[in-house]
Protein backbone atom coordinates (compact mmCIF):
# COMPACT_ATOMS: atom_id res chain seq x y z
CA UNK A 1 0.00 0.00 0.00
CA UNK A 2 1.30 3.40 -1.02
CA UNK A 3 1.60 6.51 1.12
CA UNK A 4 -0.08 9.73 -0.01
CA UNK A 5 0.97 13.30 0.75
CA UNK A 6 -1.27 16.36 1.08
CA UNK A 7 -0.30 18.88 -1.61
CA UNK A 8 -1.40 21.74 0.65
CA UNK A 9 0.33 21.08 4.00
CA UNK A 10 2.56 18.04 3.47
CA UNK A 11 0.68 15.66 5.81
CA UNK A 12 1.49 12.07 4.87
CA UNK A 13 -1.25 9.46 4.95
CA UNK A 14 0.33 6.11 5.80
CA UNK A 15 -2.02 3.16 5.25
CA UNK A 16 -0.14 1.15 7.89
CA UNK A 17 -1.37 3.52 10.59
CA UNK A 18 -4.50 4.93 8.94
CA UNK A 19 -6.09 7.89 10.71
CA UNK A 20 -7.71 6.33 13.76
CA UNK A 21 -8.52 9.75 15.23
CA UNK A 22 -10.85 10.26 12.25
CA UNK A 23 -12.29 6.73 12.01
CA UNK A 24 -9.93 5.36 9.34
CA UNK A 25 -8.58 2.04 10.58
CA UNK A 26 -4.96 0.96 10.24
CA UNK A 27 -4.20 -0.99 7.05
CA UNK A 28 -6.75 1.02 5.02
CA UNK A 29 -5.52 1.75 1.49
CA UNK A 30 -5.95 5.37 0.43
CA UNK A 31 -8.42 4.34 -2.30
CA UNK A 32 -10.61 2.84 0.44
CA UNK A 33 -10.62 5.95 2.64
CA UNK A 34 -14.13 7.49 2.53
CA UNK A 35 -14.56 10.40 0.08
CA UNK A 36 -15.80 12.51 2.99
CA UNK A 37 -12.45 12.19 4.80
CA UNK A 38 -10.29 15.33 4.93
CA UNK A 39 -6.68 16.00 5.84
CA UNK A 40 -6.46 16.08 9.65
CA UNK A 41 -4.07 19.05 9.49
CA UNK A 42 -5.55 21.46 6.91
CA UNK A 43 -8.97 19.95 6.05
CA UNK A 44 -8.12 19.50 2.36
CA UNK A 45 -10.12 16.84 0.52
CA UNK A 46 -8.77 13.55 -0.83
CA UNK A 47 -8.34 15.17 -4.25
CA UNK A 48 -5.55 17.31 -2.75
CA UNK A 49 -3.35 14.25 -2.11
CA UNK A 50 -0.67 12.80 -4.36
CA UNK A 51 1.05 9.44 -4.21
CA UNK A 52 4.28 9.83 -2.25
PDB file of N, CA and C in Angstrom:
ATOM      1  N   UNK A   1       0.835  -1.179   0.000  1.00  0.00           N
ATOM      2  CA  UNK A   1       0.000   0.000   0.000  1.00  0.00           C
ATOM      3  C   UNK A   1       0.882   1.244   0.000  1.00  0.00           C
ATOM      4  N   UNK A   2       0.516   2.182  -0.850  1.00  0.00           N
ATOM      5  CA  UNK A   2       1.305   3.398  -1.023  1.00  0.00           C
ATOM      6  C   UNK A   2       0.895   4.490  -0.041  1.00  0.00           C
ATOM      7  N   UNK A   3       1.856   5.341   0.303  1.00  0.00           N
ATOM      8  CA  UNK A   3       1.600   6.514   1.123  1.00  0.00           C
ATOM      9  C   UNK A   3       1.169   7.653   0.201  1.00  0.00           C
ATOM     10  N   UNK A   4       0.374   8.564   0.733  1.00  0.00           N
ATOM     11  CA  UNK A   4      -0.083   9.734  -0.011  1.00  0.00           C
ATOM     12  C   UNK A   4       0.222  10.975   0.797  1.00  0.00           C
ATOM     13  N   UNK A   5       0.587  12.063   0.112  1.00  0.00           N
ATOM     14  CA  UNK A   5       0.969  13.304   0.754  1.00  0.00           C
ATOM     15  C   UNK A   5       0.008  14.420   0.354  1.00  0.00           C
ATOM     16  N   UNK A   6      -0.402  15.214   1.339  1.00  0.00           N
ATOM     17  CA  UNK A   6      -1.268  16.359   1.083  1.00  0.00           C
ATOM     18  C   UNK A   6      -0.460  17.419   0.341  1.00  0.00           C
ATOM     19  N   UNK A   7      -0.986  17.859  -0.807  1.00  0.00           N
ATOM     20  CA  UNK A   7      -0.298  18.878  -1.606  1.00  0.00           C
ATOM     21  C   UNK A   7      -0.341  20.255  -0.942  1.00  0.00           C
ATOM     22  N   UNK A   8      -1.242  20.439  -0.001  1.00  0.00           N
ATOM     23  CA  UNK A   8      -1.401  21.741   0.655  1.00  0.00           C
ATOM     24  C   UNK A   8      -0.440  21.892   1.841  1.00  0.00           C
ATOM     25  N   UNK A   9      -0.449  20.914   2.756  1.00  0.00           N
ATOM     26  CA  UNK A   9       0.328  21.079   3.997  1.00  0.00           C
ATOM     27  C   UNK A   9       1.456  20.064   4.186  1.00  0.00           C
ATOM     28  N   UNK A  10       1.491  19.022   3.358  1.00  0.00           N
ATOM     29  CA  UNK A  10       2.561  18.043   3.469  1.00  0.00           C
ATOM     30  C   UNK A  10       2.266  16.860   4.380  1.00  0.00           C
ATOM     31  N   UNK A  11       1.060  16.807   4.972  1.00  0.00           N
ATOM     32  CA  UNK A  11       0.682  15.661   5.809  1.00  0.00           C
ATOM     33  C   UNK A  11       0.800  14.379   4.982  1.00  0.00           C
ATOM     34  N   UNK A  12       1.350  13.337   5.575  1.00  0.00           N
ATOM     35  CA  UNK A  12       1.494  12.066   4.874  1.00  0.00           C
ATOM     36  C   UNK A  12       0.520  11.040   5.438  1.00  0.00           C
ATOM     37  N   UNK A  13      -0.352  10.543   4.563  1.00  0.00           N
ATOM     38  CA  UNK A  13      -1.252   9.460   4.952  1.00  0.00           C
ATOM     39  C   UNK A  13      -0.511   8.153   4.756  1.00  0.00           C
ATOM     40  N   UNK A  14      -0.346   7.408   5.834  1.00  0.00           N
ATOM     41  CA  UNK A  14       0.328   6.111   5.799  1.00  0.00           C
ATOM     42  C   UNK A  14      -0.723   5.042   6.059  1.00  0.00           C
ATOM     43  N   UNK A  15      -0.989   4.181   5.072  1.00  0.00           N
ATOM     44  CA  UNK A  15      -2.018   3.165   5.253  1.00  0.00           C
ATOM     45  C   UNK A  15      -1.724   2.202   6.402  1.00  0.00           C
ATOM     46  N   UNK A  16      -0.468   2.038   6.768  1.00  0.00           N
ATOM     47  CA  UNK A  16      -0.145   1.147   7.889  1.00  0.00           C
ATOM     48  C   UNK A  16      -0.757   1.639   9.190  1.00  0.00           C
ATOM     49  N   UNK A  17      -0.821   2.958   9.358  1.00  0.00           N
ATOM     50  CA  UNK A  17      -1.366   3.521  10.590  1.00  0.00           C
ATOM     51  C   UNK A  17      -2.772   4.077  10.417  1.00  0.00           C
ATOM     52  N   UNK A  18      -3.176   4.358   9.183  1.00  0.00           N
ATOM     53  CA  UNK A  18      -4.499   4.926   8.940  1.00  0.00           C
ATOM     54  C   UNK A  18      -4.622   6.296   9.589  1.00  0.00           C
ATOM     55  N   UNK A  19      -5.820   6.637  10.003  1.00  0.00           N
ATOM     56  CA  UNK A  19      -6.086   7.888  10.713  1.00  0.00           C
ATOM     57  C   UNK A  19      -7.159   7.565  11.742  1.00  0.00           C
ATOM     58  N   UNK A  20      -6.749   6.841  12.771  1.00  0.00           N
ATOM     59  CA  UNK A  20      -7.708   6.333  13.755  1.00  0.00           C
ATOM     60  C   UNK A  20      -8.449   7.448  14.485  1.00  0.00           C
ATOM     61  N   UNK A  21      -7.848   8.623  14.588  1.00  0.00           N
ATOM     62  CA  UNK A  21      -8.515   9.753  15.230  1.00  0.00           C
ATOM     63  C   UNK A  21      -9.734  10.205  14.432  1.00  0.00           C
ATOM     64  N   UNK A  22      -9.748   9.863  13.134  1.00  0.00           N
ATOM     65  CA  UNK A  22     -10.849  10.256  12.253  1.00  0.00           C
ATOM     66  C   UNK A  22     -11.534   9.040  11.630  1.00  0.00           C
ATOM     67  N   UNK A  23     -11.559   7.946  12.372  1.00  0.00           N
ATOM     68  CA  UNK A  23     -12.292   6.731  12.008  1.00  0.00           C
ATOM     69  C   UNK A  23     -11.817   6.036  10.737  1.00  0.00           C
ATOM     70  N   UNK A  24     -10.515   6.125  10.438  1.00  0.00           N
ATOM     71  CA  UNK A  24      -9.929   5.362   9.341  1.00  0.00           C
ATOM     72  C   UNK A  24      -8.967   4.360   9.975  1.00  0.00           C
ATOM     73  N   UNK A  25      -9.335   3.096   9.922  1.00  0.00           N
ATOM     74  CA  UNK A  25      -8.577   2.040  10.583  1.00  0.00           C
ATOM     75  C   UNK A  25      -7.195   1.854   9.959  1.00  0.00           C
ATOM     76  N   UNK A  26      -6.273   1.336  10.760  1.00  0.00           N
ATOM     77  CA  UNK A  26      -4.956   0.961  10.243  1.00  0.00           C
ATOM     78  C   UNK A  26      -5.138  -0.061   9.127  1.00  0.00           C
ATOM     79  N   UNK A  27      -4.201  -0.085   8.210  1.00  0.00           N
ATOM     80  CA  UNK A  27      -4.205  -0.985   7.049  1.00  0.00           C
ATOM     81  C   UNK A  27      -5.337  -0.683   6.072  1.00  0.00           C
ATOM     82  N   UNK A  28      -5.755   0.588   5.993  1.00  0.00           N
ATOM     83  CA  UNK A  28      -6.754   1.022   5.015  1.00  0.00           C
ATOM     84  C   UNK A  28      -6.041   1.716   3.867  1.00  0.00           C
ATOM     85  N   UNK A  29      -6.124   1.139   2.670  1.00  0.00           N
ATOM     86  CA  UNK A  29      -5.521   1.751   1.485  1.00  0.00           C
ATOM     87  C   UNK A  29      -6.174   3.103   1.234  1.00  0.00           C
ATOM     88  N   UNK A  30      -5.421   4.035   0.673  1.00  0.00           N
ATOM     89  CA  UNK A  30      -5.951   5.373   0.434  1.00  0.00           C
ATOM     90  C   UNK A  30      -7.206   5.339  -0.437  1.00  0.00           C
ATOM     91  N   UNK A  31      -7.244   4.440  -1.418  1.00  0.00           N
ATOM     92  CA  UNK A  31      -8.419   4.343  -2.298  1.00  0.00           C
ATOM     93  C   UNK A  31      -9.667   3.922  -1.536  1.00  0.00           C
ATOM     94  N   UNK A  32      -9.484   3.300  -0.369  1.00  0.00           N
ATOM     95  CA  UNK A  32     -10.609   2.838   0.437  1.00  0.00           C
ATOM     96  C   UNK A  32     -11.012   3.811   1.546  1.00  0.00           C
ATOM     97  N   UNK A  33     -10.264   4.910   1.672  1.00  0.00           N
ATOM     98  CA  UNK A  33     -10.620   5.946   2.642  1.00  0.00           C
ATOM     99  C   UNK A  33     -11.887   6.629   2.119  1.00  0.00           C
ATOM    100  N   UNK A  34     -12.880   6.863   2.982  1.00  0.00           N
ATOM    101  CA  UNK A  34     -14.126   7.490   2.526  1.00  0.00           C
ATOM    102  C   UNK A  34     -13.886   8.832   1.823  1.00  0.00           C
ATOM    103  N   UNK A  35     -14.684   9.140   0.817  1.00  0.00           N
ATOM    104  CA  UNK A  35     -14.557  10.400   0.082  1.00  0.00           C
ATOM    105  C   UNK A  35     -14.793  11.602   0.983  1.00  0.00           C
ATOM    106  N   UNK A  36     -15.506  11.414   2.071  1.00  0.00           N
ATOM    107  CA  UNK A  36     -15.801  12.513   2.994  1.00  0.00           C
ATOM    108  C   UNK A  36     -14.626  12.833   3.917  1.00  0.00           C
ATOM    109  N   UNK A  37     -13.609  11.977   3.941  1.00  0.00           N
ATOM    110  CA  UNK A  37     -12.446  12.188   4.798  1.00  0.00           C
ATOM    111  C   UNK A  37     -11.679  13.412   4.314  1.00  0.00           C
ATOM    112  N   UNK A  38     -11.122  14.171   5.259  1.00  0.00           N
ATOM    113  CA  UNK A  38     -10.294  15.328   4.929  1.00  0.00           C
ATOM    114  C   UNK A  38      -8.976  15.239   5.680  1.00  0.00           C
ATOM    115  N   UNK A  39      -7.989  15.952   5.198  1.00  0.00           N
ATOM    116  CA  UNK A  39      -6.680  15.996   5.844  1.00  0.00           C
ATOM    117  C   UNK A  39      -6.863  16.451   7.292  1.00  0.00           C
ATOM    118  N   UNK A  40      -6.294  15.705   8.247  1.00  0.00           N
ATOM    119  CA  UNK A  40      -6.459  16.076   9.655  1.00  0.00           C
ATOM    120  C   UNK A  40      -5.703  17.348  10.047  1.00  0.00           C
ATOM    121  N   UNK A  41      -4.832  17.838   9.191  1.00  0.00           N
ATOM    122  CA  UNK A  41      -4.069  19.049   9.489  1.00  0.00           C
ATOM    123  C   UNK A  41      -4.730  20.293   8.891  1.00  0.00           C
ATOM    124  N   UNK A  42      -5.071  20.242   7.584  1.00  0.00           N
ATOM    125  CA  UNK A  42      -5.550  21.456   6.905  1.00  0.00           C
ATOM    126  C   UNK A  42      -6.965  21.336   6.334  1.00  0.00           C
ATOM    127  N   UNK A  43      -7.605  20.196   6.516  1.00  0.00           N
ATOM    128  CA  UNK A  43      -8.974  19.952   6.050  1.00  0.00           C
ATOM    129  C   UNK A  43      -9.119  19.905   4.527  1.00  0.00           C
ATOM    130  N   UNK A  44      -8.030  19.659   3.811  1.00  0.00           N
ATOM    131  CA  UNK A  44      -8.116  19.499   2.356  1.00  0.00           C
ATOM    132  C   UNK A  44      -8.765  18.153   2.036  1.00  0.00           C
ATOM    133  N   UNK A  45      -9.479  18.078   0.928  1.00  0.00           N
ATOM    134  CA  UNK A  45     -10.125  16.839   0.523  1.00  0.00           C
ATOM    135  C   UNK A  45      -9.142  15.836  -0.067  1.00  0.00           C
ATOM    136  N   UNK A  46      -9.623  14.624  -0.286  1.00  0.00           N
ATOM    137  CA  UNK A  46      -8.770  13.554  -0.834  1.00  0.00           C
ATOM    138  C   UNK A  46      -8.160  13.937  -2.181  1.00  0.00           C
ATOM    139  N   UNK A  47      -8.847  14.791  -2.932  1.00  0.00           N
ATOM    140  CA  UNK A  47      -8.338  15.170  -4.251  1.00  0.00           C
ATOM    141  C   UNK A  47      -7.104  16.071  -4.167  1.00  0.00           C
ATOM    142  N   UNK A  48      -6.750  16.496  -2.963  1.00  0.00           N
ATOM    143  CA  UNK A  48      -5.545  17.314  -2.754  1.00  0.00           C
ATOM    144  C   UNK A  48      -4.339  16.475  -2.356  1.00  0.00           C
ATOM    145  N   UNK A  49      -4.451  15.149  -2.462  1.00  0.00           N
ATOM    146  CA  UNK A  49      -3.353  14.250  -2.110  1.00  0.00           C
ATOM    147  C   UNK A  49      -2.726  13.644  -3.353  1.00  0.00           C
ATOM    148  N   UNK A  50      -1.423  13.437  -3.282  1.00  0.00           N
ATOM    149  CA  UNK A  50      -0.672  12.797  -4.357  1.00  0.00           C
ATOM    150  C   UNK A  50       0.093  11.614  -3.791  1.00  0.00           C
ATOM    151  N   UNK A  51       0.280  10.606  -4.634  1.00  0.00           N
ATOM    152  CA  UNK A  51       1.045   9.438  -4.206  1.00  0.00           C
ATOM    153  C   UNK A  51       2.458   9.870  -3.864  1.00  0.00           C
ATOM    154  N   UNK A  52       2.937   9.425  -2.711  1.00  0.00           N
ATOM    155  CA  UNK A  52       4.277   9.830  -2.246  1.00  0.00           C
ATOM    156  C   UNK A  52       5.373   9.055  -2.951  1.00  0.00           C
TER     157      UNK A  52
END
